[in-house]
N, C-alpha and C. Protein backbone atom coordinates (compact mmCIF):
# COMPACT_ATOMS: atom_id res chain seq x y z
N MET A 1 -40.67 -73.16 1.96
CA MET A 1 -41.01 -73.23 3.37
C MET A 1 -40.42 -72.02 4.09
N ILE A 2 -41.21 -71.42 4.94
CA ILE A 2 -40.74 -70.31 5.76
C ILE A 2 -40.16 -70.92 7.03
N THR A 3 -38.89 -70.69 7.29
CA THR A 3 -38.28 -71.26 8.48
C THR A 3 -37.81 -70.21 9.47
N SER A 4 -37.81 -68.97 9.07
CA SER A 4 -37.40 -67.94 10.02
C SER A 4 -38.57 -66.98 10.23
N LEU A 5 -38.86 -66.72 11.45
CA LEU A 5 -39.93 -65.82 11.82
C LEU A 5 -39.33 -64.59 12.47
N PRO A 6 -40.03 -63.47 12.42
CA PRO A 6 -39.50 -62.30 13.12
C PRO A 6 -39.42 -62.60 14.62
N ALA A 7 -38.24 -62.59 15.15
CA ALA A 7 -38.04 -62.93 16.56
C ALA A 7 -38.19 -61.68 17.41
N SER A 8 -39.37 -61.12 17.38
CA SER A 8 -39.61 -59.90 18.13
C SER A 8 -40.37 -60.22 19.41
N THR A 9 -39.83 -59.77 20.52
CA THR A 9 -40.53 -59.96 21.79
C THR A 9 -41.42 -58.77 22.11
N THR A 10 -41.49 -57.82 21.18
CA THR A 10 -42.30 -56.63 21.43
C THR A 10 -43.52 -56.52 20.53
N TYR A 11 -43.69 -57.45 19.59
CA TYR A 11 -44.87 -57.43 18.72
C TYR A 11 -46.15 -57.58 19.54
N THR A 12 -47.16 -56.84 19.15
CA THR A 12 -48.50 -57.09 19.68
C THR A 12 -49.09 -58.25 18.87
N PRO A 13 -50.17 -58.87 19.34
CA PRO A 13 -50.80 -59.91 18.53
C PRO A 13 -51.17 -59.41 17.13
N LYS A 14 -51.67 -58.20 17.04
CA LYS A 14 -52.04 -57.65 15.74
C LYS A 14 -50.82 -57.50 14.83
N GLN A 15 -49.71 -57.00 15.37
CA GLN A 15 -48.50 -56.84 14.57
C GLN A 15 -47.98 -58.20 14.07
N ALA A 16 -48.03 -59.21 14.92
CA ALA A 16 -47.56 -60.54 14.52
C ALA A 16 -48.42 -61.09 13.39
N LEU A 17 -49.72 -60.95 13.51
CA LEU A 17 -50.62 -61.45 12.46
C LEU A 17 -50.46 -60.67 11.16
N LEU A 18 -50.33 -59.36 11.26
CA LEU A 18 -50.16 -58.54 10.06
C LEU A 18 -48.85 -58.86 9.34
N SER A 19 -47.81 -59.21 10.09
CA SER A 19 -46.53 -59.53 9.46
C SER A 19 -46.64 -60.79 8.60
N VAL A 20 -47.51 -61.70 8.97
CA VAL A 20 -47.70 -62.94 8.21
C VAL A 20 -48.61 -62.71 7.01
N LEU A 21 -49.51 -61.76 7.10
CA LEU A 21 -50.43 -61.49 6.00
C LEU A 21 -49.71 -61.11 4.71
N GLU A 22 -48.51 -60.57 4.81
CA GLU A 22 -47.74 -60.26 3.60
C GLU A 22 -47.47 -61.52 2.79
N PHE A 23 -47.20 -62.63 3.47
CA PHE A 23 -46.98 -63.89 2.77
C PHE A 23 -48.27 -64.36 2.10
N VAL A 24 -49.40 -64.17 2.76
CA VAL A 24 -50.68 -64.56 2.22
C VAL A 24 -50.99 -63.76 0.96
N GLU A 25 -50.76 -62.47 1.01
CA GLU A 25 -51.06 -61.61 -0.13
C GLU A 25 -50.19 -61.91 -1.35
N HIS A 26 -49.04 -62.51 -1.14
CA HIS A 26 -48.17 -62.87 -2.26
C HIS A 26 -48.25 -64.36 -2.56
N ASP A 27 -49.32 -65.01 -2.08
CA ASP A 27 -49.53 -66.45 -2.30
C ASP A 27 -48.31 -67.27 -1.92
N ASN A 28 -47.66 -66.89 -0.83
CA ASN A 28 -46.45 -67.56 -0.40
C ASN A 28 -46.62 -68.24 0.95
N LEU A 29 -47.85 -68.59 1.28
CA LEU A 29 -48.13 -69.26 2.55
C LEU A 29 -49.10 -70.39 2.26
N GLN A 30 -48.68 -71.61 2.54
CA GLN A 30 -49.49 -72.78 2.21
C GLN A 30 -50.49 -73.10 3.31
N ASP A 31 -50.03 -73.28 4.51
CA ASP A 31 -50.88 -73.60 5.65
C ASP A 31 -50.42 -72.81 6.85
N VAL A 32 -51.27 -72.72 7.85
CA VAL A 32 -50.95 -71.93 9.02
C VAL A 32 -51.48 -72.61 10.29
N LEU A 33 -50.71 -72.47 11.35
CA LEU A 33 -51.10 -72.93 12.68
C LEU A 33 -50.92 -71.75 13.63
N ILE A 34 -51.98 -71.35 14.26
CA ILE A 34 -51.95 -70.19 15.16
C ILE A 34 -52.29 -70.67 16.56
N ALA A 35 -51.47 -70.28 17.51
CA ALA A 35 -51.71 -70.62 18.92
C ALA A 35 -51.51 -69.37 19.75
N GLY A 36 -52.38 -69.17 20.69
CA GLY A 36 -52.26 -68.01 21.56
C GLY A 36 -53.17 -68.15 22.76
N TYR A 37 -53.17 -67.15 23.58
CA TYR A 37 -54.02 -67.12 24.77
C TYR A 37 -55.01 -65.98 24.64
N ASP A 38 -56.26 -66.23 25.05
CA ASP A 38 -57.24 -65.15 25.04
C ASP A 38 -57.09 -64.33 26.32
N ALA A 39 -57.96 -63.35 26.49
CA ALA A 39 -57.87 -62.44 27.64
C ALA A 39 -58.04 -63.16 28.98
N ASP A 40 -58.69 -64.33 28.96
CA ASP A 40 -58.88 -65.11 30.20
C ASP A 40 -57.78 -66.13 30.43
N GLY A 41 -56.78 -66.16 29.53
CA GLY A 41 -55.67 -67.10 29.68
C GLY A 41 -55.96 -68.48 29.12
N CYS A 42 -57.04 -68.64 28.36
CA CYS A 42 -57.38 -69.93 27.76
C CYS A 42 -56.66 -70.08 26.41
N LEU A 43 -56.18 -71.27 26.14
CA LEU A 43 -55.48 -71.56 24.89
C LEU A 43 -56.44 -71.47 23.71
N LEU A 44 -55.99 -70.81 22.67
CA LEU A 44 -56.76 -70.66 21.43
C LEU A 44 -55.89 -71.20 20.30
N VAL A 45 -56.42 -72.15 19.53
CA VAL A 45 -55.69 -72.75 18.42
C VAL A 45 -56.56 -72.70 17.17
N ARG A 46 -55.98 -72.25 16.07
CA ARG A 46 -56.64 -72.24 14.78
C ARG A 46 -55.64 -72.74 13.75
N SER A 47 -56.16 -73.43 12.74
CA SER A 47 -55.28 -73.93 11.68
C SER A 47 -56.03 -73.95 10.36
N SER A 48 -55.26 -74.07 9.31
CA SER A 48 -55.85 -74.20 7.98
C SER A 48 -55.47 -75.57 7.42
N ARG A 49 -56.41 -76.25 6.92
CA ARG A 49 -56.23 -77.52 6.21
C ARG A 49 -55.25 -78.48 6.88
N MET A 50 -55.32 -78.64 8.18
CA MET A 50 -54.45 -79.63 8.79
C MET A 50 -55.19 -80.33 9.92
N ASP A 51 -54.88 -81.63 10.05
CA ASP A 51 -55.43 -82.40 11.14
C ASP A 51 -54.47 -82.31 12.33
N ARG A 52 -54.80 -82.98 13.40
CA ARG A 52 -53.97 -82.88 14.62
C ARG A 52 -52.57 -83.44 14.41
N LYS A 53 -52.45 -84.48 13.59
CA LYS A 53 -51.14 -85.07 13.30
C LYS A 53 -50.24 -84.04 12.61
N ASP A 54 -50.78 -83.36 11.60
CA ASP A 54 -50.00 -82.35 10.90
C ASP A 54 -49.70 -81.15 11.79
N ALA A 55 -50.66 -80.79 12.65
CA ALA A 55 -50.44 -79.69 13.59
C ALA A 55 -49.32 -80.03 14.57
N LEU A 56 -49.29 -81.27 15.03
CA LEU A 56 -48.22 -81.70 15.93
C LEU A 56 -46.87 -81.65 15.24
N TRP A 57 -46.81 -82.09 13.98
CA TRP A 57 -45.56 -82.03 13.22
C TRP A 57 -45.08 -80.59 13.11
N LEU A 58 -45.99 -79.68 12.78
CA LEU A 58 -45.62 -78.28 12.66
C LEU A 58 -45.20 -77.70 14.01
N ALA A 59 -45.88 -78.11 15.07
CA ALA A 59 -45.51 -77.64 16.42
C ALA A 59 -44.10 -78.11 16.78
N GLU A 60 -43.74 -79.31 16.36
CA GLU A 60 -42.38 -79.81 16.61
C GLU A 60 -41.35 -79.01 15.81
N LYS A 61 -41.71 -78.61 14.58
CA LYS A 61 -40.82 -77.76 13.79
C LYS A 61 -40.65 -76.40 14.49
N MET A 62 -41.73 -75.87 15.06
CA MET A 62 -41.63 -74.61 15.79
C MET A 62 -40.77 -74.78 17.03
N ARG A 63 -40.88 -75.92 17.70
CA ARG A 63 -40.07 -76.21 18.88
C ARG A 63 -38.59 -76.21 18.50
N ASP A 64 -38.27 -76.87 17.38
CA ASP A 64 -36.89 -76.91 16.92
C ASP A 64 -36.38 -75.50 16.62
N TRP A 65 -37.22 -74.69 15.99
CA TRP A 65 -36.83 -73.31 15.69
C TRP A 65 -36.55 -72.54 16.99
N ALA A 66 -37.42 -72.72 17.99
CA ALA A 66 -37.26 -72.01 19.25
C ALA A 66 -36.00 -72.44 20.00
N LEU A 67 -35.68 -73.73 19.93
CA LEU A 67 -34.52 -74.23 20.66
C LEU A 67 -33.20 -74.04 19.91
N ASN A 68 -33.23 -74.19 18.59
CA ASN A 68 -31.99 -74.26 17.83
C ASN A 68 -31.89 -73.28 16.67
N GLY A 69 -32.86 -72.49 16.48
CA GLY A 69 -32.86 -71.62 15.31
C GLY A 69 -33.50 -72.27 14.11
N GLY A 70 -33.79 -73.56 14.19
CA GLY A 70 -34.52 -74.28 13.17
C GLY A 70 -33.83 -74.39 11.83
N LEU A 71 -32.55 -74.16 11.77
CA LEU A 71 -31.85 -74.24 10.49
C LEU A 71 -31.67 -75.71 10.11
N GLU A 72 -32.11 -76.04 8.90
CA GLU A 72 -32.00 -77.43 8.43
C GLU A 72 -30.84 -77.57 7.50
C-alpha cells in the first residue's frame, strides 16, 4: 500500500499525474481514485475498479493522511 504521497504544493496537475504513473509502470498500483476541479470549478472524479463504498473508504484514508500524516 502506498501511504505517503509527494506533499508538493507546487505540482501542476500534469506533474502530479506523471508522478503516479511510475507506480503504474512498475505494476505497483492496484487501484486509483482521482479527484480534481476542471477549468469551470466543477468536481471531477475518476476511479478504477471501485464502487462508491470503496471510494469513500479511500477518501477517508486520504483524509487521515492529510490530517495526521496517515502513518499506521
